C-alpha atoms as a PDB file:
ATOM      1  CA  UNK A   1      23.593 -10.850 -40.840  1.00  0.00           C
ATOM      2  CA  UNK A   2      26.079 -11.168 -37.968  1.00  0.00           C
ATOM      3  CA  UNK A   3      24.907 -10.338 -34.495  1.00  0.00           C
ATOM      4  CA  UNK A   4      26.391  -7.519 -32.470  1.00  0.00           C
ATOM      5  CA  UNK A   5      28.743  -8.892 -29.767  1.00  0.00           C
ATOM      6  CA  UNK A   6      26.345  -7.786 -27.017  1.00  0.00           C
ATOM      7  CA  UNK A   7      23.538  -9.670 -28.768  1.00  0.00           C
ATOM      8  CA  UNK A   8      25.354 -12.996 -28.861  1.00  0.00           C
ATOM      9  CA  UNK A   9      24.879 -15.686 -26.264  1.00  0.00           C
ATOM     10  CA  UNK A  10      27.505 -18.304 -25.502  1.00  0.00           C
ATOM     11  CA  UNK A  11      25.393 -21.439 -25.269  1.00  0.00           C
ATOM     12  CA  UNK A  12      25.540 -24.630 -27.248  1.00  0.00           C
ATOM     13  CA  UNK A  13      21.819 -24.913 -27.871  1.00  0.00           C
ATOM     14  CA  UNK A  14      21.179 -21.305 -28.794  1.00  0.00           C
ATOM     15  CA  UNK A  15      24.372 -20.843 -30.804  1.00  0.00           C
ATOM     16  CA  UNK A  16      23.778 -24.063 -32.737  1.00  0.00           C
ATOM     17  CA  UNK A  17      20.187 -23.189 -33.422  1.00  0.00           C
ATOM     18  CA  UNK A  18      20.924 -19.718 -34.701  1.00  0.00           C
ATOM     19  CA  UNK A  19      24.172 -20.462 -36.485  1.00  0.00           C
ATOM     20  CA  UNK A  20      26.874 -17.897 -37.066  1.00  0.00           C
ATOM     21  CA  UNK A  21      24.476 -15.447 -38.685  1.00  0.00           C
ATOM     22  CA  UNK A  22      21.934 -15.491 -35.931  1.00  0.00           C
ATOM     23  CA  UNK A  23      19.160 -16.561 -38.364  1.00  0.00           C
ATOM     24  CA  UNK A  24      17.036 -19.671 -38.870  1.00  0.00           C
ATOM     25  CA  UNK A  25      15.035 -20.765 -41.935  1.00  0.00           C
ATOM     26  CA  UNK A  26      11.487 -19.532 -42.203  1.00  0.00           C
ATOM     27  CA  UNK A  27       9.986 -22.963 -41.543  1.00  0.00           C
ATOM     28  CA  UNK A  28      11.904 -23.129 -38.263  1.00  0.00           C
ATOM     29  CA  UNK A  29      10.968 -19.623 -37.220  1.00  0.00           C
ATOM     30  CA  UNK A  30       7.768 -20.413 -35.367  1.00  0.00           C
ATOM     31  CA  UNK A  31       9.204 -23.448 -33.555  1.00  0.00           C
ATOM     32  CA  UNK A  32      12.417 -21.653 -32.623  1.00  0.00           C
ATOM     33  CA  UNK A  33      10.610 -18.583 -31.376  1.00  0.00           C
ATOM     34  CA  UNK A  34       8.414 -20.596 -29.033  1.00  0.00           C
ATOM     35  CA  UNK A  35      11.318 -22.655 -27.713  1.00  0.00           C
ATOM     36  CA  UNK A  36      13.514 -19.659 -27.012  1.00  0.00           C
ATOM     37  CA  UNK A  37      10.785 -17.609 -25.387  1.00  0.00           C
ATOM     38  CA  UNK A  38       9.968 -20.579 -23.174  1.00  0.00           C
ATOM     39  CA  UNK A  39      13.583 -20.996 -22.078  1.00  0.00           C
ATOM     40  CA  UNK A  40      14.362 -17.383 -21.251  1.00  0.00           C
ATOM     41  CA  UNK A  41      11.139 -15.385 -21.485  1.00  0.00           C
ATOM     42  CA  UNK A  42      12.398 -12.466 -19.418  1.00  0.00           C
ATOM     43  CA  UNK A  43      15.517 -11.649 -21.442  1.00  0.00           C
ATOM     44  CA  UNK A  44      14.925 -12.906 -24.971  1.00  0.00           C
ATOM     45  CA  UNK A  45      12.869 -11.394 -27.772  1.00  0.00           C
ATOM     46  CA  UNK A  46      12.531 -13.378 -31.016  1.00  0.00           C
ATOM     47  CA  UNK A  47      11.010 -11.726 -34.069  1.00  0.00           C
ATOM     48  CA  UNK A  48      10.705 -12.442 -37.792  1.00  0.00           C
ATOM     49  CA  UNK A  49      11.984 -10.240 -40.632  1.00  0.00           C
ATOM     50  CA  UNK A  50      11.657 -10.574 -44.421  1.00  0.00           C
ATOM     51  CA  UNK A  51      14.612 -11.135 -46.815  1.00  0.00           C
ATOM     52  CA  UNK A  52      15.079 -10.425 -50.503  1.00  0.00           C
ATOM     53  CA  UNK A  53      15.310 -14.058 -51.517  1.00  0.00           C
ATOM     54  CA  UNK A  54      12.622 -16.209 -49.927  1.00  0.00           C
ATOM     55  CA  UNK A  55      12.027 -15.520 -47.247  1.00  0.00           C
ATOM     56  CA  UNK A  56      11.577 -15.009 -43.628  1.00  0.00           C
ATOM     57  CA  UNK A  57      14.071 -15.409 -40.918  1.00  0.00           C
ATOM     58  CA  UNK A  58      14.137 -15.073 -37.169  1.00  0.00           C
ATOM     59  CA  UNK A  59      16.604 -12.802 -35.456  1.00  0.00           C
ATOM     60  CA  UNK A  60      17.496 -13.112 -31.753  1.00  0.00           C
ATOM     61  CA  UNK A  61      17.861  -9.927 -29.721  1.00  0.00           C
ATOM     62  CA  UNK A  62      19.226  -9.885 -26.169  1.00  0.00           C
ATOM     63  CA  UNK A  63      18.973  -6.376 -24.734  1.00  0.00           C
ATOM     64  CA  UNK A  64      21.525  -5.132 -22.195  1.00  0.00           C
ATOM     65  CA  UNK A  65      23.164  -8.547 -21.597  1.00  0.00           C
ATOM     66  CA  UNK A  66      26.925  -8.935 -21.635  1.00  0.00           C
ATOM     67  CA  UNK A  67      27.143 -12.700 -22.041  1.00  0.00           C
ATOM     68  CA  UNK A  68      25.364 -15.973 -21.594  1.00  0.00           C
ATOM     69  CA  UNK A  69      26.681 -16.523 -18.088  1.00  0.00           C
ATOM     70  CA  UNK A  70      25.075 -13.317 -16.837  1.00  0.00           C
ATOM     71  CA  UNK A  71      21.794 -14.276 -18.486  1.00  0.00           C
ATOM     72  CA  UNK A  72      21.842 -17.738 -16.944  1.00  0.00           C
ATOM     73  CA  UNK A  73      22.662 -16.351 -13.478  1.00  0.00           C
ATOM     74  CA  UNK A  74      19.766 -13.918 -13.678  1.00  0.00           C
ATOM     75  CA  UNK A  75      17.361 -16.685 -14.631  1.00  0.00           C
ATOM     76  CA  UNK A  76      18.634 -18.947 -11.838  1.00  0.00           C
ATOM     77  CA  UNK A  77      18.347 -16.208  -9.226  1.00  0.00           C
ATOM     78  CA  UNK A  78      14.797 -15.402 -10.307  1.00  0.00           C
ATOM     79  CA  UNK A  79      13.782 -19.049 -10.190  1.00  0.00           C
ATOM     80  CA  UNK A  80      15.442 -19.580  -6.793  1.00  0.00           C
ATOM     81  CA  UNK A  81      13.670 -16.562  -5.291  1.00  0.00           C
ATOM     82  CA  UNK A  82      10.315 -17.726  -6.622  1.00  0.00           C
ATOM     83  CA  UNK A  83      10.899 -21.251  -5.309  1.00  0.00           C
ATOM     84  CA  UNK A  84      11.820 -20.052  -1.802  1.00  0.00           C
ATOM     85  CA  UNK A  85       8.788 -17.756  -1.648  1.00  0.00           C
ATOM     86  CA  UNK A  86       6.484 -20.546  -2.819  1.00  0.00           C
ATOM     87  CA  UNK A  87       7.806 -22.983  -0.199  1.00  0.00           C
ATOM     88  CA  UNK A  88       7.429 -20.392   2.564  1.00  0.00           C
ATOM     89  CA  UNK A  89       3.840 -19.569   1.592  1.00  0.00           C
ATOM     90  CA  UNK A  90       2.921 -23.247   1.415  1.00  0.00           C
ATOM     91  CA  UNK A  91       4.457 -23.799   4.843  1.00  0.00           C
ATOM     92  CA  UNK A  92       2.407 -20.977   6.318  1.00  0.00           C
ATOM     93  CA  UNK A  93      -0.765 -22.258   4.656  1.00  0.00           C
ATOM     94  CA  UNK A  94      -0.495 -25.883   5.733  1.00  0.00           C
ATOM     95  CA  UNK A  95       1.062 -25.401   9.166  1.00  0.00           C
ATOM     96  CA  UNK A  96      -0.972 -22.364  10.148  1.00  0.00           C
ATOM     97  CA  UNK A  97       2.107 -20.647  11.519  1.00  0.00           C
ATOM     98  CA  UNK A  98       1.479 -17.027  10.566  1.00  0.00           C
ATOM     99  CA  UNK A  99       3.457 -15.164  13.257  1.00  0.00           C
ATOM    100  CA  UNK A 100       3.397 -18.272  15.446  1.00  0.00           C
ATOM    101  CA  UNK A 101       4.718 -17.777  18.965  1.00  0.00           C
ATOM    102  CA  UNK A 102       7.793 -19.887  18.309  1.00  0.00           C
ATOM    103  CA  UNK A 103       8.847 -17.201  15.843  1.00  0.00           C
ATOM    104  CA  UNK A 104       8.512 -14.647  18.614  1.00  0.00           C
ATOM    105  CA  UNK A 105      10.269 -14.249  21.922  1.00  0.00           C
ATOM    106  CA  UNK A 106       8.234 -15.443  24.873  1.00  0.00           C
ATOM    107  CA  UNK A 107       7.069 -12.487  26.927  1.00  0.00           C
ATOM    108  CA  UNK A 108       7.244 -12.120  30.688  1.00  0.00           C
ATOM    109  CA  UNK A 109       4.007 -13.799  31.708  1.00  0.00           C
ATOM    110  CA  UNK A 110       4.522 -12.787  35.331  1.00  0.00           C
ATOM    111  CA  UNK A 111       4.644  -9.050  34.562  1.00  0.00           C
ATOM    112  CA  UNK A 112       6.471  -8.261  37.758  1.00  0.00           C
ATOM    113  CA  UNK A 113       6.666  -4.637  38.819  1.00  0.00           C
ATOM    114  CA  UNK A 114       9.646  -3.666  40.918  1.00  0.00           C
ATOM    115  CA  UNK A 115       9.232  -1.747  44.157  1.00  0.00           C
ATOM    116  CA  UNK A 116       7.734   1.624  43.436  1.00  0.00           C
ATOM    117  CA  UNK A 117       6.124   4.527  45.247  1.00  0.00           C
ATOM    118  CA  UNK A 118       2.478   5.267  44.550  1.00  0.00           C
ATOM    119  CA  UNK A 119       0.738   8.525  45.218  1.00  0.00           C
ATOM    120  CA  UNK A 120      -2.472   8.363  47.212  1.00  0.00           C
ATOM    121  CA  UNK A 121      -5.681   9.512  45.520  1.00  0.00           C
ATOM    122  CA  UNK A 122      -5.937  12.413  47.989  1.00  0.00           C
ATOM    123  CA  UNK A 123      -3.220  14.629  49.454  1.00  0.00           C
ATOM    124  CA  UNK A 124      -4.130  13.918  53.067  1.00  0.00           C
ATOM    125  CA  UNK A 125      -6.271  10.807  53.449  1.00  0.00           C
ATOM    126  CA  UNK A 126      -8.389  10.683  56.550  1.00  0.00           C
ATOM    127  CA  UNK A 127      -7.662   6.971  56.966  1.00  0.00           C
ATOM    128  CA  UNK A 128      -5.710   4.229  55.211  1.00  0.00           C
ATOM    129  CA  UNK A 129      -7.394   0.840  55.547  1.00  0.00           C
ATOM    130  CA  UNK A 130      -5.650  -2.459  54.781  1.00  0.00           C
ATOM    131  CA  UNK A 131      -7.470  -5.665  53.866  1.00  0.00           C
ATOM    132  CA  UNK A 132      -6.050  -9.016  52.768  1.00  0.00           C
ATOM    133  CA  UNK A 133      -6.900 -12.613  51.902  1.00  0.00           C
ATOM    134  CA  UNK A 134     -10.310 -11.779  50.510  1.00  0.00           C
ATOM    135  CA  UNK A 135     -10.157 -14.895  48.291  1.00  0.00           C
ATOM    136  CA  UNK A 136     -13.099 -13.931  46.155  1.00  0.00           C
ATOM    137  CA  UNK A 137     -15.552 -13.496  49.027  1.00  0.00           C
ATOM    138  CA  UNK A 138     -17.184 -10.373  47.709  1.00  0.00           C
ATOM    139  CA  UNK A 139     -20.129 -10.210  50.119  1.00  0.00           C
ATOM    140  CA  UNK A 140     -17.873 -10.643  53.157  1.00  0.00           C
ATOM    141  CA  UNK A 141     -15.619  -7.860  51.871  1.00  0.00           C
ATOM    142  CA  UNK A 142     -18.552  -5.474  51.564  1.00  0.00           C
ATOM    143  CA  UNK A 143     -19.750  -6.351  55.062  1.00  0.00           C
ATOM    144  CA  UNK A 144     -16.292  -5.656  56.458  1.00  0.00           C
ATOM    145  CA  UNK A 145     -16.061  -2.291  54.732  1.00  0.00           C
ATOM    146  CA  UNK A 146     -19.481  -1.268  56.052  1.00  0.00           C
ATOM    147  CA  UNK A 147     -18.446  -2.144  59.603  1.00  0.00           C
ATOM    148  CA  UNK A 148     -15.308  -0.033  59.172  1.00  0.00           C
ATOM    149  CA  UNK A 149     -17.405   2.857  57.804  1.00  0.00           C
ATOM    150  CA  UNK A 150     -15.224   2.969  54.709  1.00  0.00           C
ATOM    151  CA  UNK A 151     -15.973   6.126  52.714  1.00  0.00           C
ATOM    152  CA  UNK A 152     -13.734   6.989  49.774  1.00  0.00           C
ATOM    153  CA  UNK A 153     -15.590  10.283  49.245  1.00  0.00           C
ATOM    154  CA  UNK A 154     -14.499  11.378  52.726  1.00  0.00           C
ATOM    155  CA  UNK A 155     -10.838  10.675  51.963  1.00  0.00           C
ATOM    156  CA  UNK A 156     -10.485   7.022  53.041  1.00  0.00           C
ATOM    157  CA  UNK A 157      -7.905   5.026  51.097  1.00  0.00           C
ATOM    158  CA  UNK A 158      -8.217   1.234  50.809  1.00  0.00           C
ATOM    159  CA  UNK A 159      -5.165  -0.960  50.222  1.00  0.00           C
ATOM    160  CA  UNK A 160      -5.356  -4.722  49.683  1.00  0.00           C
ATOM    161  CA  UNK A 161      -2.420  -6.897  50.736  1.00  0.00           C
ATOM    162  CA  UNK A 162      -2.845  -9.723  48.223  1.00  0.00           C
ATOM    163  CA  UNK A 163      -4.820 -12.900  47.512  1.00  0.00           C
ATOM    164  CA  UNK A 164      -7.999 -11.055  46.704  1.00  0.00           C
ATOM    165  CA  UNK A 165      -9.162 -13.862  44.393  1.00  0.00           C
ATOM    166  CA  UNK A 166      -9.514 -17.676  44.216  1.00  0.00           C
ATOM    167  CA  UNK A 167     -10.273 -20.217  46.922  1.00  0.00           C
ATOM    168  CA  UNK A 168     -13.814 -18.987  46.650  1.00  0.00           C
ATOM    169  CA  UNK A 169     -16.600 -19.208  44.119  1.00  0.00           C
ATOM    170  CA  UNK A 170     -15.446 -18.222  40.638  1.00  0.00           C
ATOM    171  CA  UNK A 171     -18.148 -15.526  40.219  1.00  0.00           C
ATOM    172  CA  UNK A 172     -17.082 -14.103  43.576  1.00  0.00           C
ATOM    173  CA  UNK A 173     -13.490 -13.661  42.459  1.00  0.00           C
ATOM    174  CA  UNK A 174     -14.537 -11.805  39.340  1.00  0.00           C
ATOM    175  CA  UNK A 175     -16.880  -9.577  41.309  1.00  0.00           C
ATOM    176  CA  UNK A 176     -14.030  -8.647  43.656  1.00  0.00           C
ATOM    177  CA  UNK A 177     -11.757  -7.846  40.712  1.00  0.00           C
ATOM    178  CA  UNK A 178     -14.413  -5.737  39.004  1.00  0.00           C
ATOM    179  CA  UNK A 179     -15.183  -3.802  42.171  1.00  0.00           C
ATOM    180  CA  UNK A 180     -11.548  -3.035  42.971  1.00  0.00           C
ATOM    181  CA  UNK A 181     -10.805  -2.000  39.396  1.00  0.00           C
ATOM    182  CA  UNK A 182     -13.841   0.275  39.329  1.00  0.00           C
ATOM    183  CA  UNK A 183     -12.815   1.991  42.580  1.00  0.00           C
ATOM    184  CA  UNK A 184      -9.056   2.182  41.782  1.00  0.00           C
ATOM    185  CA  UNK A 185      -8.036   0.230  44.863  1.00  0.00           C
ATOM    186  CA  UNK A 186      -4.309   0.020  45.608  1.00  0.00           C
ATOM    187  CA  UNK A 187      -2.676  -3.276  46.447  1.00  0.00           C
ATOM    188  CA  UNK A 188       0.078  -5.853  46.059  1.00  0.00           C
ATOM    189  CA  UNK A 189      -0.030  -9.315  44.540  1.00  0.00           C
ATOM    190  CA  UNK A 190      -0.472 -12.482  46.477  1.00  0.00           C
ATOM    191  CA  UNK A 191       0.570 -15.895  45.196  1.00  0.00           C
ATOM    192  CA  UNK A 192      -2.978 -16.652  44.011  1.00  0.00           C
ATOM    193  CA  UNK A 193      -3.197 -13.310  42.227  1.00  0.00           C
ATOM    194  CA  UNK A 194       0.128 -14.005  40.547  1.00  0.00           C
ATOM    195  CA  UNK A 195      -1.028 -17.391  39.253  1.00  0.00           C
ATOM    196  CA  UNK A 196      -4.001 -15.751  37.538  1.00  0.00           C
ATOM    197  CA  UNK A 197      -1.753 -13.076  36.009  1.00  0.00           C
ATOM    198  CA  UNK A 198       0.580 -15.795  34.702  1.00  0.00           C
ATOM    199  CA  UNK A 199      -2.265 -17.643  32.997  1.00  0.00           C
ATOM    200  CA  UNK A 200      -3.694 -14.424  31.574  1.00  0.00           C
ATOM    201  CA  UNK A 201      -0.338 -13.516  30.055  1.00  0.00           C
ATOM    202  CA  UNK A 202       0.057 -16.993  28.589  1.00  0.00           C
ATOM    203  CA  UNK A 203      -3.431 -16.988  27.057  1.00  0.00           C
ATOM    204  CA  UNK A 204      -2.847 -13.567  25.511  1.00  0.00           C
ATOM    205  CA  UNK A 205       0.420 -14.815  24.016  1.00  0.00           C
ATOM    206  CA  UNK A 206      -1.084 -17.978  22.518  1.00  0.00           C
ATOM    207  CA  UNK A 207      -3.966 -15.943  21.097  1.00  0.00           C
ATOM    208  CA  UNK A 208      -1.575 -13.760  19.078  1.00  0.00           C
ATOM    209  CA  UNK A 209      -2.043 -16.211  16.189  1.00  0.00           C
ATOM    210  CA  UNK A 210      -5.277 -17.384  14.623  1.00  0.00           C
ATOM    211  CA  UNK A 211      -4.175 -21.022  14.878  1.00  0.00           C
ATOM    212  CA  UNK A 212      -3.296 -20.710  18.573  1.00  0.00           C
ATOM    213  CA  UNK A 213      -6.483 -18.831  19.367  1.00  0.00           C
ATOM    214  CA  UNK A 214      -8.578 -21.450  17.565  1.00  0.00           C
ATOM    215  CA  UNK A 215      -6.865 -24.283  19.433  1.00  0.00           C
ATOM    216  CA  UNK A 216      -7.334 -22.582  22.806  1.00  0.00           C
ATOM    217  CA  UNK A 217     -11.014 -21.762  22.293  1.00  0.00           C
ATOM    218  CA  UNK A 218     -11.672 -25.280  21.012  1.00  0.00           C
ATOM    219  CA  UNK A 219     -10.031 -26.737  24.108  1.00  0.00           C
ATOM    220  CA  UNK A 220     -12.118 -24.504  26.394  1.00  0.00           C
ATOM    221  CA  UNK A 221     -15.318 -25.648  24.662  1.00  0.00           C
ATOM    222  CA  UNK A 222     -14.328 -29.303  24.983  1.00  0.00           C
ATOM    223  CA  UNK A 223     -13.784 -28.802  28.710  1.00  0.00           C
ATOM    224  CA  UNK A 224     -17.235 -27.260  29.119  1.00  0.00           C
ATOM    225  CA  UNK A 225     -18.852 -30.140  27.228  1.00  0.00           C
ATOM    226  CA  UNK A 226     -16.969 -32.675  29.333  1.00  0.00           C
ATOM    227  CA  UNK A 227     -18.258 -31.028  32.532  1.00  0.00           C
ATOM    228  CA  UNK A 228     -21.830 -31.149  31.255  1.00  0.00           C
ATOM    229  CA  UNK A 229     -21.521 -34.816  30.304  1.00  0.00           C
ATOM    230  CA  UNK A 230     -20.158 -35.731  33.747  1.00  0.00           C
ATOM    231  CA  UNK A 231     -22.428 -33.480  35.793  1.00  0.00           C
ATOM    232  CA  UNK A 232     -23.273 -36.296  38.186  1.00  0.00           C
ATOM    233  CA  UNK A 233     -19.664 -36.855  39.208  1.00  0.00           C
ATOM    234  CA  UNK A 234     -16.580 -34.747  39.763  1.00  0.00           C
ATOM    235  CA  UNK A 235     -14.329 -34.228  36.758  1.00  0.00           C
ATOM    236  CA  UNK A 236     -10.648 -34.076  37.632  1.00  0.00           C
ATOM    237  CA  UNK A 237      -8.959 -31.397  35.483  1.00  0.00           C
ATOM    238  CA  UNK A 238      -5.526 -33.016  35.634  1.00  0.00           C
ATOM    239  CA  UNK A 239      -6.814 -36.401  34.433  1.00  0.00           C
ATOM    240  CA  UNK A 240      -8.863 -34.782  31.679  1.00  0.00           C
ATOM    241  CA  UNK A 241      -5.954 -32.656  30.427  1.00  0.00           C
ATOM    242  CA  UNK A 242      -3.596 -35.638  30.482  1.00  0.00           C
ATOM    243  CA  UNK A 243      -5.981 -37.757  28.422  1.00  0.00           C
ATOM    244  CA  UNK A 244      -6.833 -34.939  26.036  1.00  0.00           C
ATOM    245  CA  UNK A 245      -3.184 -34.173  25.435  1.00  0.00           C
ATOM    246  CA  UNK A 246      -2.398 -37.835  24.769  1.00  0.00           C
ATOM    247  CA  UNK A 247      -5.197 -38.217  22.218  1.00  0.00           C
ATOM    248  CA  UNK A 248      -4.764 -34.884  20.446  1.00  0.00           C
ATOM    249  CA  UNK A 249      -4.080 -34.887  16.696  1.00  0.00           C
ATOM    250  CA  UNK A 250      -0.591 -34.190  15.469  1.00  0.00           C
ATOM    251  CA  UNK A 251      -1.416 -30.629  14.401  1.00  0.00           C
ATOM    252  CA  UNK A 252      -2.180 -29.710  18.044  1.00  0.00           C
ATOM    253  CA  UNK A 253       0.987 -31.104  19.597  1.00  0.00           C
ATOM    254  CA  UNK A 254       2.908 -27.923  18.984  1.00  0.00           C
ATOM    255  CA  UNK A 255       0.403 -25.916  21.063  1.00  0.00           C
ATOM    256  CA  UNK A 256       0.384 -28.437  23.892  1.00  0.00           C
ATOM    257  CA  UNK A 257       4.160 -28.062  24.130  1.00  0.00           C
ATOM    258  CA  UNK A 258       3.707 -24.350  24.790  1.00  0.00           C
ATOM    259  CA  UNK A 259       1.964 -25.026  28.123  1.00  0.00           C
ATOM    260  CA  UNK A 260       4.559 -24.309  30.837  1.00  0.00           C
ATOM    261  CA  UNK A 261       5.642 -27.324  32.835  1.00  0.00           C
ATOM    262  CA  UNK A 262       3.793 -27.837  36.142  1.00  0.00           C
ATOM    263  CA  UNK A 263       1.103 -25.293  35.269  1.00  0.00           C
ATOM    264  CA  UNK A 264      -2.368 -26.672  35.960  1.00  0.00           C
ATOM    265  CA  UNK A 265      -4.927 -26.074  33.245  1.00  0.00           C
ATOM    266  CA  UNK A 266      -8.657 -25.744  33.986  1.00  0.00           C
ATOM    267  CA  UNK A 267      -8.164 -25.197  37.664  1.00  0.00           C
ATOM    268  CA  UNK A 268      -9.443 -22.068  39.357  1.00  0.00           C
ATOM    269  CA  UNK A 269      -6.549 -19.775  38.434  1.00  0.00           C
ATOM    270  CA  UNK A 270      -6.815 -20.771  34.775  1.00  0.00           C
ATOM    271  CA  UNK A 271     -10.610 -20.350  34.685  1.00  0.00           C
ATOM    272  CA  UNK A 272     -10.485 -16.866  36.200  1.00  0.00           C
ATOM    273  CA  UNK A 273      -7.832 -15.837  33.674  1.00  0.00           C
ATOM    274  CA  UNK A 274     -10.047 -17.127  30.879  1.00  0.00           C
END
């Protein structure tokens, strides 16, 4: 029984196996069917039919295929796509790079705001008070405001001129930030304020990925343990970071390279941002 032209495949192995009639002896049917389905399972259907004489024979059907070259190309493309996807998934699994920062564009850590005009909280403030260089000294700030009889309810507007944090106790800096945020205080950035903003932006960026976030939190915990172990003597952050970076495992080297050059980790600006 000759095959229809669209059912024929131009391949040495398949053509030789089937012969000109497209049939194989009954005893070869089972073996042939398994071999062909294994080779091209997505495009080949092998089935057995009975004959008048003895037998059984296997007939090869290839639906909607023009020739063997098209069939082979389809199989190769499918295998190539599957291989690429498998490699990519394995890379993500072992490297932990799901949406890693190096796949993304680095943001503007500084978050600069160009010159702009701000409206005052009240149409006609009774007074506008300026204060600067607070440096985290929350209690001194409150004393100063009491002496100036600062009263926002009466229309006073307070404006800070920068450096409201750092160079003081760490809890003091955070108390100043919380108070000014709660009372919607206007102000401009000082160089110390900017350093904290830079570190905050960097930490947020690293934490976009689970791997980066895990590395960062692990490093913070190691720093806290190191301080507890050396409570009797001062622990220099620069020396500790240098040694920790040198001894880090290979899987952490990528994250260490993301620390901007000349930025000082675990100093006051970094700790406030944390």
